[in-house]
Structure formats: structure tokens, C-alpha cells
N, C-alpha and C. Protein backbone atom coordinates (compact mmCIF):
# COMPACT_ATOMS: atom_id res chain seq x y z
N MET A 1 16.43 -16.06 -10.47
CA MET A 1 16.38 -15.11 -11.58
C MET A 1 16.33 -13.68 -10.90
N GLU A 2 17.25 -12.85 -11.22
CA GLU A 2 17.19 -11.50 -10.74
C GLU A 2 16.59 -10.50 -11.63
N LEU A 3 15.70 -9.70 -11.15
CA LEU A 3 14.91 -8.78 -11.91
C LEU A 3 14.99 -7.40 -11.28
N ILE A 4 14.77 -6.38 -12.09
CA ILE A 4 14.62 -5.03 -11.57
C ILE A 4 13.21 -4.62 -11.78
N LEU A 5 12.45 -4.31 -10.78
CA LEU A 5 11.04 -3.99 -10.90
C LEU A 5 10.77 -2.59 -11.42
N LYS A 6 9.89 -2.49 -12.32
CA LYS A 6 9.59 -1.22 -13.06
C LYS A 6 8.58 -0.44 -12.19
N GLN A 7 7.77 -1.22 -11.43
CA GLN A 7 6.66 -0.70 -10.50
C GLN A 7 6.54 -1.48 -9.33
N ASP A 8 5.81 -1.03 -8.44
CA ASP A 8 5.48 -1.85 -7.16
C ASP A 8 4.74 -3.09 -7.47
N VAL A 9 5.13 -4.10 -6.89
CA VAL A 9 4.47 -5.40 -7.09
C VAL A 9 4.21 -5.99 -5.70
N GLN A 10 2.98 -6.16 -5.29
CA GLN A 10 2.61 -6.65 -3.95
C GLN A 10 3.26 -8.00 -3.71
N ASN A 11 3.77 -7.97 -2.56
CA ASN A 11 4.44 -9.26 -1.96
C ASN A 11 5.77 -9.65 -2.67
N VAL A 12 6.27 -8.74 -3.55
CA VAL A 12 7.48 -8.95 -4.28
C VAL A 12 8.52 -7.84 -3.93
N GLY A 13 8.08 -6.63 -4.11
CA GLY A 13 8.96 -5.50 -3.84
C GLY A 13 8.50 -4.19 -4.44
N PHE A 14 9.31 -3.17 -4.36
CA PHE A 14 8.90 -1.78 -4.73
C PHE A 14 9.58 -1.49 -6.07
N LYS A 15 9.26 -0.34 -6.61
CA LYS A 15 9.86 0.05 -7.91
C LYS A 15 11.28 0.23 -7.70
N ASP A 16 12.08 -0.11 -8.67
CA ASP A 16 13.62 -0.05 -8.78
C ASP A 16 14.29 -0.95 -7.75
N ASP A 17 13.56 -1.93 -7.18
CA ASP A 17 14.26 -2.95 -6.25
C ASP A 17 14.74 -4.11 -7.25
N VAL A 18 15.95 -4.60 -6.80
CA VAL A 18 16.43 -5.76 -7.46
C VAL A 18 16.02 -6.95 -6.64
N VAL A 19 15.19 -7.81 -7.26
CA VAL A 19 14.57 -8.90 -6.49
C VAL A 19 15.04 -10.24 -7.16
N THR A 20 14.95 -11.26 -6.35
CA THR A 20 15.23 -12.56 -6.87
C THR A 20 13.90 -13.45 -6.77
N VAL A 21 13.47 -13.93 -7.95
CA VAL A 21 12.19 -14.61 -8.07
C VAL A 21 12.47 -15.93 -8.77
N LYS A 22 11.50 -16.80 -8.67
CA LYS A 22 11.67 -18.09 -9.47
C LYS A 22 11.52 -17.78 -10.96
N ASN A 23 12.24 -18.63 -11.69
CA ASN A 23 12.37 -18.37 -13.17
C ASN A 23 10.97 -18.27 -13.83
N GLY A 24 10.08 -19.19 -13.51
CA GLY A 24 8.77 -19.20 -14.16
C GLY A 24 7.91 -17.90 -13.85
N TYR A 25 8.01 -17.44 -12.56
CA TYR A 25 7.30 -16.29 -12.20
C TYR A 25 7.80 -15.09 -13.01
N GLY A 26 9.10 -14.93 -13.09
CA GLY A 26 9.71 -13.87 -13.91
C GLY A 26 9.45 -13.95 -15.31
N ARG A 27 9.67 -15.15 -15.94
CA ARG A 27 9.62 -15.20 -17.31
C ARG A 27 8.12 -15.15 -17.78
N ASN A 28 7.25 -15.73 -17.07
CA ASN A 28 5.87 -15.94 -17.55
C ASN A 28 4.94 -14.82 -17.04
N PHE A 29 5.27 -14.09 -15.98
CA PHE A 29 4.36 -13.08 -15.40
C PHE A 29 4.95 -11.72 -15.39
N LEU A 30 6.11 -11.54 -14.68
CA LEU A 30 6.59 -10.21 -14.36
C LEU A 30 7.03 -9.47 -15.65
N ILE A 31 7.86 -10.18 -16.48
CA ILE A 31 8.43 -9.61 -17.61
C ILE A 31 7.39 -9.37 -18.66
N PRO A 32 6.56 -10.33 -19.09
CA PRO A 32 5.52 -10.07 -20.16
C PRO A 32 4.50 -8.95 -19.72
N GLN A 33 4.14 -8.90 -18.44
CA GLN A 33 3.25 -7.89 -17.94
C GLN A 33 3.93 -6.41 -17.93
N GLY A 34 5.23 -6.33 -18.07
CA GLY A 34 5.90 -5.11 -17.99
C GLY A 34 6.18 -4.65 -16.54
N PHE A 35 6.09 -5.52 -15.63
CA PHE A 35 6.37 -5.13 -14.26
C PHE A 35 7.90 -5.18 -13.98
N ALA A 36 8.67 -5.92 -14.72
CA ALA A 36 10.10 -5.99 -14.46
C ALA A 36 10.97 -6.20 -15.67
N HIS A 37 12.19 -6.05 -15.64
CA HIS A 37 13.15 -6.41 -16.59
C HIS A 37 14.36 -7.15 -16.06
N LEU A 38 15.09 -7.81 -16.84
CA LEU A 38 16.34 -8.60 -16.38
C LEU A 38 17.37 -7.62 -15.71
N ALA A 39 17.93 -8.12 -14.61
CA ALA A 39 18.94 -7.42 -13.92
C ALA A 39 20.29 -7.77 -14.46
N THR A 40 20.66 -7.29 -15.56
CA THR A 40 22.04 -7.51 -16.05
C THR A 40 22.99 -6.49 -15.38
N SER A 41 24.23 -6.71 -15.59
CA SER A 41 25.19 -5.87 -14.90
C SER A 41 25.15 -4.45 -15.43
N SER A 42 24.89 -4.22 -16.63
CA SER A 42 24.75 -2.83 -17.20
C SER A 42 23.45 -2.20 -16.72
N ALA A 43 22.33 -3.08 -16.62
CA ALA A 43 21.15 -2.48 -16.05
C ALA A 43 21.22 -2.14 -14.58
N LYS A 44 21.99 -2.83 -13.81
CA LYS A 44 22.24 -2.52 -12.42
C LYS A 44 23.00 -1.25 -12.35
N LYS A 45 24.01 -1.00 -13.09
CA LYS A 45 24.82 0.28 -13.14
C LYS A 45 23.92 1.47 -13.44
N VAL A 46 23.05 1.29 -14.46
CA VAL A 46 22.15 2.47 -14.81
C VAL A 46 21.14 2.67 -13.67
N LEU A 47 20.59 1.60 -13.00
CA LEU A 47 19.77 1.81 -11.90
C LEU A 47 20.46 2.50 -10.77
N ALA A 48 21.78 2.13 -10.47
CA ALA A 48 22.42 2.87 -9.39
C ALA A 48 22.52 4.32 -9.70
N GLU A 49 22.86 4.67 -10.92
CA GLU A 49 22.99 6.10 -11.30
C GLU A 49 21.73 6.88 -11.16
N ASN A 50 20.52 6.18 -11.59
CA ASN A 50 19.26 6.82 -11.53
C ASN A 50 18.86 7.02 -10.01
N LEU A 51 19.20 6.08 -9.21
CA LEU A 51 18.82 6.21 -7.84
C LEU A 51 19.63 7.25 -7.06
N LYS A 52 20.89 7.49 -7.49
CA LYS A 52 21.63 8.61 -6.87
C LYS A 52 21.01 9.98 -7.26
N GLN A 53 20.65 10.10 -8.52
CA GLN A 53 19.96 11.32 -8.96
C GLN A 53 18.59 11.58 -8.44
N ARG A 54 17.94 10.56 -8.04
CA ARG A 54 16.59 10.64 -7.52
C ARG A 54 16.54 10.78 -6.03
N ALA A 55 17.67 10.61 -5.30
CA ALA A 55 17.69 10.59 -3.87
C ALA A 55 17.12 11.86 -3.12
N HIS A 56 17.51 13.08 -3.70
CA HIS A 56 17.11 14.24 -3.05
C HIS A 56 15.65 14.55 -3.27
N LYS A 57 15.02 14.05 -4.43
CA LYS A 57 13.61 14.18 -4.75
C LYS A 57 12.76 13.28 -3.78
N GLU A 58 13.43 12.07 -3.45
CA GLU A 58 12.79 11.13 -2.57
C GLU A 58 12.62 11.64 -1.15
N ALA A 59 13.55 12.52 -0.67
CA ALA A 59 13.37 13.11 0.60
C ALA A 59 12.14 13.98 0.77
N LYS A 60 11.84 14.71 -0.33
CA LYS A 60 10.62 15.51 -0.38
C LYS A 60 9.32 14.67 -0.34
N VAL A 61 9.36 13.58 -1.13
CA VAL A 61 8.18 12.79 -1.12
C VAL A 61 7.98 12.09 0.22
N VAL A 62 9.00 11.65 0.93
CA VAL A 62 8.84 11.03 2.21
C VAL A 62 8.29 12.09 3.22
N GLY A 63 8.79 13.33 3.07
CA GLY A 63 8.20 14.41 4.00
C GLY A 63 6.77 14.64 3.76
N ASP A 64 6.42 14.67 2.49
CA ASP A 64 4.94 14.87 2.20
C ASP A 64 4.13 13.66 2.76
N ALA A 65 4.67 12.40 2.68
CA ALA A 65 3.91 11.27 3.10
C ALA A 65 3.81 11.28 4.62
N GLN A 66 4.81 11.93 5.41
CA GLN A 66 4.72 12.05 6.77
C GLN A 66 3.70 13.07 7.29
N VAL A 67 3.59 14.14 6.47
CA VAL A 67 2.62 15.15 6.67
C VAL A 67 1.19 14.53 6.58
N LEU A 68 1.05 13.80 5.42
CA LEU A 68 -0.31 13.10 5.29
C LEU A 68 -0.50 12.03 6.35
N ALA A 69 0.53 11.35 6.82
CA ALA A 69 0.37 10.38 7.98
C ALA A 69 -0.25 11.13 9.20
N GLU A 70 0.27 12.29 9.48
CA GLU A 70 -0.19 13.06 10.70
C GLU A 70 -1.59 13.50 10.49
N ALA A 71 -1.94 13.88 9.26
CA ALA A 71 -3.36 14.29 9.03
C ALA A 71 -4.35 13.02 9.13
N LEU A 72 -3.84 11.90 8.67
CA LEU A 72 -4.72 10.76 8.87
C LEU A 72 -4.83 10.21 10.26
N LYS A 73 -3.85 10.41 11.02
CA LYS A 73 -3.96 10.04 12.51
C LYS A 73 -5.02 10.93 13.26
N ALA A 74 -5.17 12.14 12.71
CA ALA A 74 -6.15 13.10 13.35
C ALA A 74 -7.56 12.68 13.05
N ILE A 75 -7.83 11.95 12.09
CA ILE A 75 -9.14 11.69 11.56
C ILE A 75 -9.63 10.52 12.42
N GLU A 76 -10.91 10.68 12.94
CA GLU A 76 -11.61 9.51 13.64
C GLU A 76 -12.39 8.77 12.79
N ILE A 77 -12.23 7.52 12.59
CA ILE A 77 -12.97 6.75 11.55
C ILE A 77 -14.10 5.87 12.27
N LYS A 78 -15.25 6.16 11.97
CA LYS A 78 -16.39 5.38 12.44
C LYS A 78 -17.13 4.83 11.20
N ILE A 79 -17.23 3.54 11.11
CA ILE A 79 -17.98 2.93 9.94
C ILE A 79 -19.29 2.41 10.53
N THR A 80 -20.40 2.74 9.93
CA THR A 80 -21.65 2.18 10.31
C THR A 80 -22.07 1.16 9.40
N ALA A 81 -22.54 0.01 9.89
CA ALA A 81 -22.99 -1.04 9.01
C ALA A 81 -24.17 -1.76 9.68
N LYS A 82 -24.97 -2.41 8.87
CA LYS A 82 -26.10 -3.17 9.40
C LYS A 82 -25.58 -4.41 10.15
N ALA A 83 -26.07 -4.76 11.28
CA ALA A 83 -25.69 -5.78 12.19
C ALA A 83 -26.79 -6.31 12.93
N GLY A 84 -26.58 -7.60 13.23
CA GLY A 84 -27.55 -8.23 14.14
C GLY A 84 -26.80 -8.68 15.39
N GLY A 85 -26.92 -7.82 16.32
CA GLY A 85 -26.05 -8.00 17.60
C GLY A 85 -24.65 -7.47 17.22
N GLU A 86 -23.65 -8.39 17.41
CA GLU A 86 -22.30 -8.02 17.07
C GLU A 86 -21.99 -8.49 15.73
N LYS A 87 -22.66 -9.31 15.08
CA LYS A 87 -22.23 -9.79 13.83
C LYS A 87 -22.84 -8.91 12.71
N LEU A 88 -21.95 -8.64 11.73
CA LEU A 88 -22.38 -7.68 10.63
C LEU A 88 -23.09 -8.57 9.59
N PHE A 89 -24.02 -7.84 8.85
CA PHE A 89 -24.62 -8.52 7.66
C PHE A 89 -23.68 -8.02 6.50
N GLY A 90 -22.79 -8.88 6.13
CA GLY A 90 -21.83 -8.52 5.11
C GLY A 90 -20.44 -8.39 5.78
N SER A 91 -19.58 -7.60 5.25
CA SER A 91 -18.23 -7.39 5.91
C SER A 91 -17.79 -6.02 5.56
N ILE A 92 -16.60 -5.58 6.30
CA ILE A 92 -16.02 -4.30 6.06
C ILE A 92 -14.63 -4.60 5.52
N THR A 93 -14.25 -4.04 4.32
CA THR A 93 -12.93 -4.36 3.82
C THR A 93 -12.16 -3.09 3.58
N ASN A 94 -11.01 -3.10 2.92
CA ASN A 94 -10.23 -1.94 2.72
C ASN A 94 -10.95 -0.91 1.85
N ILE A 95 -11.89 -1.39 0.97
CA ILE A 95 -12.56 -0.51 0.11
C ILE A 95 -13.44 0.40 0.95
N ASP A 96 -14.14 -0.05 1.95
CA ASP A 96 -15.00 0.75 2.86
C ASP A 96 -14.22 1.73 3.60
N ILE A 97 -12.99 1.35 4.12
CA ILE A 97 -12.09 2.27 4.80
C ILE A 97 -11.66 3.46 3.79
N ALA A 98 -11.34 3.06 2.57
CA ALA A 98 -10.92 4.04 1.55
C ALA A 98 -12.08 5.02 1.32
N ASN A 99 -13.23 4.56 1.22
CA ASN A 99 -14.43 5.42 0.99
C ASN A 99 -14.65 6.38 2.14
N VAL A 100 -14.56 5.89 3.42
CA VAL A 100 -14.69 6.80 4.59
C VAL A 100 -13.66 7.85 4.51
N LEU A 101 -12.36 7.52 4.19
CA LEU A 101 -11.20 8.51 4.15
C LEU A 101 -11.49 9.46 3.06
N ALA A 102 -12.08 9.03 1.94
CA ALA A 102 -12.30 9.86 0.81
C ALA A 102 -13.37 11.01 1.19
N LYS A 103 -14.36 10.52 1.96
CA LYS A 103 -15.46 11.40 2.44
C LYS A 103 -14.86 12.44 3.44
N GLY A 104 -13.80 12.00 4.12
CA GLY A 104 -13.05 12.97 5.12
C GLY A 104 -12.14 13.85 4.42
N GLY A 105 -11.99 13.72 3.12
CA GLY A 105 -11.08 14.63 2.38
C GLY A 105 -9.58 14.04 2.10
N GLN A 106 -9.35 12.73 2.59
CA GLN A 106 -8.08 12.19 2.33
C GLN A 106 -8.25 11.07 1.35
N VAL A 107 -7.88 11.22 0.07
CA VAL A 107 -7.95 10.17 -0.91
C VAL A 107 -6.78 9.27 -0.90
N ILE A 108 -7.00 8.02 -0.54
CA ILE A 108 -6.02 6.97 -0.38
C ILE A 108 -6.46 5.88 -1.29
N ASP A 109 -5.59 5.33 -2.15
CA ASP A 109 -5.96 4.28 -2.95
C ASP A 109 -6.13 2.98 -2.11
N ARG A 110 -7.13 2.12 -2.46
CA ARG A 110 -7.49 1.05 -1.61
C ARG A 110 -6.40 -0.02 -1.54
N LYS A 111 -5.55 -0.11 -2.55
CA LYS A 111 -4.54 -1.10 -2.55
C LYS A 111 -3.45 -0.82 -1.56
N PHE A 112 -3.38 0.40 -1.02
CA PHE A 112 -2.37 0.71 0.00
C PHE A 112 -2.91 0.56 1.38
N ILE A 113 -4.16 0.07 1.60
CA ILE A 113 -4.76 -0.15 2.89
C ILE A 113 -4.96 -1.56 3.12
N THR A 114 -4.30 -2.09 4.21
CA THR A 114 -4.38 -3.49 4.55
C THR A 114 -5.18 -3.67 5.90
N SER A 115 -6.38 -4.25 5.83
CA SER A 115 -7.06 -4.43 7.09
C SER A 115 -7.70 -5.79 7.25
N GLY A 116 -7.77 -6.55 6.20
CA GLY A 116 -8.35 -7.77 6.29
C GLY A 116 -9.88 -7.67 6.15
N ILE A 117 -10.63 -8.70 6.25
CA ILE A 117 -12.07 -8.67 6.23
C ILE A 117 -12.61 -8.82 7.60
N VAL A 118 -13.46 -7.81 8.06
CA VAL A 118 -13.97 -7.67 9.41
C VAL A 118 -15.46 -8.02 9.33
N LYS A 119 -15.86 -8.93 10.17
CA LYS A 119 -17.32 -9.30 10.11
C LYS A 119 -17.99 -9.11 11.51
N ARG A 120 -17.44 -8.33 12.38
CA ARG A 120 -18.01 -8.04 13.64
C ARG A 120 -17.81 -6.64 14.07
N THR A 121 -18.65 -6.12 14.89
CA THR A 121 -18.54 -4.74 15.35
C THR A 121 -17.37 -4.62 16.41
N GLY A 122 -16.77 -3.47 16.50
CA GLY A 122 -15.69 -3.20 17.48
C GLY A 122 -14.66 -2.32 16.98
N LYS A 123 -13.52 -2.28 17.61
CA LYS A 123 -12.44 -1.43 17.31
C LYS A 123 -11.32 -2.33 16.61
N TYR A 124 -10.81 -1.72 15.46
CA TYR A 124 -9.76 -2.44 14.72
C TYR A 124 -8.70 -1.52 14.24
N THR A 125 -7.68 -2.02 13.64
CA THR A 125 -6.62 -1.16 13.04
C THR A 125 -6.35 -1.68 11.64
N ALA A 126 -6.07 -0.59 10.84
CA ALA A 126 -5.68 -0.94 9.43
C ALA A 126 -4.29 -0.39 9.21
N SER A 127 -3.55 -1.08 8.39
CA SER A 127 -2.21 -0.52 8.00
C SER A 127 -2.32 0.16 6.79
N VAL A 128 -1.76 1.40 6.69
CA VAL A 128 -1.88 2.27 5.48
C VAL A 128 -0.38 2.55 5.07
N ARG A 129 -0.11 2.15 3.81
CA ARG A 129 1.26 2.44 3.29
C ARG A 129 1.20 3.62 2.40
N LEU A 130 1.81 4.80 2.86
CA LEU A 130 1.88 6.01 2.12
C LEU A 130 3.02 6.10 1.31
N HIS A 131 4.15 5.46 1.66
CA HIS A 131 5.35 5.33 0.99
C HIS A 131 6.07 4.11 1.58
N ARG A 132 7.12 3.66 0.79
CA ARG A 132 7.76 2.50 1.28
C ARG A 132 8.41 2.57 2.65
N ASP A 133 8.76 3.88 2.99
CA ASP A 133 9.26 4.14 4.34
C ASP A 133 8.23 4.65 5.39
N VAL A 134 7.00 4.97 4.90
CA VAL A 134 5.97 5.58 5.80
C VAL A 134 4.79 4.66 5.83
N ILE A 135 4.68 3.87 6.87
CA ILE A 135 3.53 3.01 7.11
C ILE A 135 2.91 3.32 8.41
N ILE A 136 1.67 3.53 8.45
CA ILE A 136 1.04 3.97 9.67
C ILE A 136 -0.11 2.91 10.00
N GLU A 137 -0.40 2.90 11.35
CA GLU A 137 -1.53 2.08 11.79
C GLU A 137 -2.62 2.97 12.07
N LEU A 138 -3.75 2.73 11.44
CA LEU A 138 -4.99 3.67 11.48
C LEU A 138 -6.08 2.94 12.25
N PRO A 139 -6.40 3.46 13.46
CA PRO A 139 -7.52 2.80 14.17
C PRO A 139 -8.90 3.23 13.63
N TYR A 140 -9.78 2.29 13.55
CA TYR A 140 -11.13 2.57 13.20
C TYR A 140 -12.17 1.72 14.05
N GLU A 141 -13.42 2.19 14.00
CA GLU A 141 -14.34 1.55 14.79
C GLU A 141 -15.57 1.20 13.92
N ILE A 142 -16.12 0.04 14.09
CA ILE A 142 -17.29 -0.44 13.35
C ILE A 142 -18.41 -0.40 14.39
N VAL A 143 -19.54 0.30 14.05
CA VAL A 143 -20.70 0.40 14.87
C VAL A 143 -21.90 -0.03 14.15
N ALA A 144 -22.86 -0.67 14.86
CA ALA A 144 -24.12 -1.12 14.22
C ALA A 144 -25.04 0.08 13.93
N GLU A 145 -25.77 0.05 12.84
CA GLU A 145 -26.83 1.06 12.48
C GLU A 145 -27.97 1.00 13.52
């Protein structure tokens, strides 16, 4: 089943992408939730026209995302957590990284940060998606209190 996404859907695609998904996933989840609509030939033509008109605006958005990426790379992230030796009491997730970035003045939504669950002290990297074309690797360090 071919669908046109109305918004970004994790592990499926980005807004205005034409994606092929299984029939049940499309009919029972994506369309009723308002995440997508059917990709008929007329809908594809309308989408192509909209994408042409939006192309120059997209260049500015990508430029802004790259400026933000450079600002994020300049920030040194150290997260302190309670630990017994190397092992943490609890874990560090993308929510904690988003909170540290917010304290540093860069507000990034936690769903755009991919780091996994970390349960030990040390140096790690998180992937931050600022735009579909701008994805950066953000190094961070976890230290014991």
C-alpha cells in the first residue's frame, strides 16, 4: 500500500514522503491517526507541485539547522549521575541529554535525540537529527557524583 505521510513517522519516513507499508499498518494505524493519506495519482501530482514550491524555503531551513549543528558541536556535555564504581544507579537516556542541552540554551526535542540507554560511566555519542538532511553525532560524558 502506497501512502503519503502528513508528518514525520519514526522508522517509516518523513513528511511528504511516498512510502510503501503493509496494508494493515496503513489502514489500521497511519490513516486513522492522521499520519498519512492514500497516494493516488492525483495526490502524487499535488505533492510534486507543493514540493517544487517549497524547495527554496527548504534551503533556508537546512541552513538554520547547520548553524544549530555547529553551535551544538561547541557545547561540551557532562552528565553527572549517582554511581557505584563504574555502574550507574539508574540510567541515562535521551531525556537527560535533552535536559542538559536545554540548560545550555539549546532546546532540542527528545524524540530527535538517539542515544540508547547508558548504564555505565564513560564517553558516549548521541545522534541528533536537526533536519532530515542534517544529522550530527554529539559526544557526551557521564561522570559519577
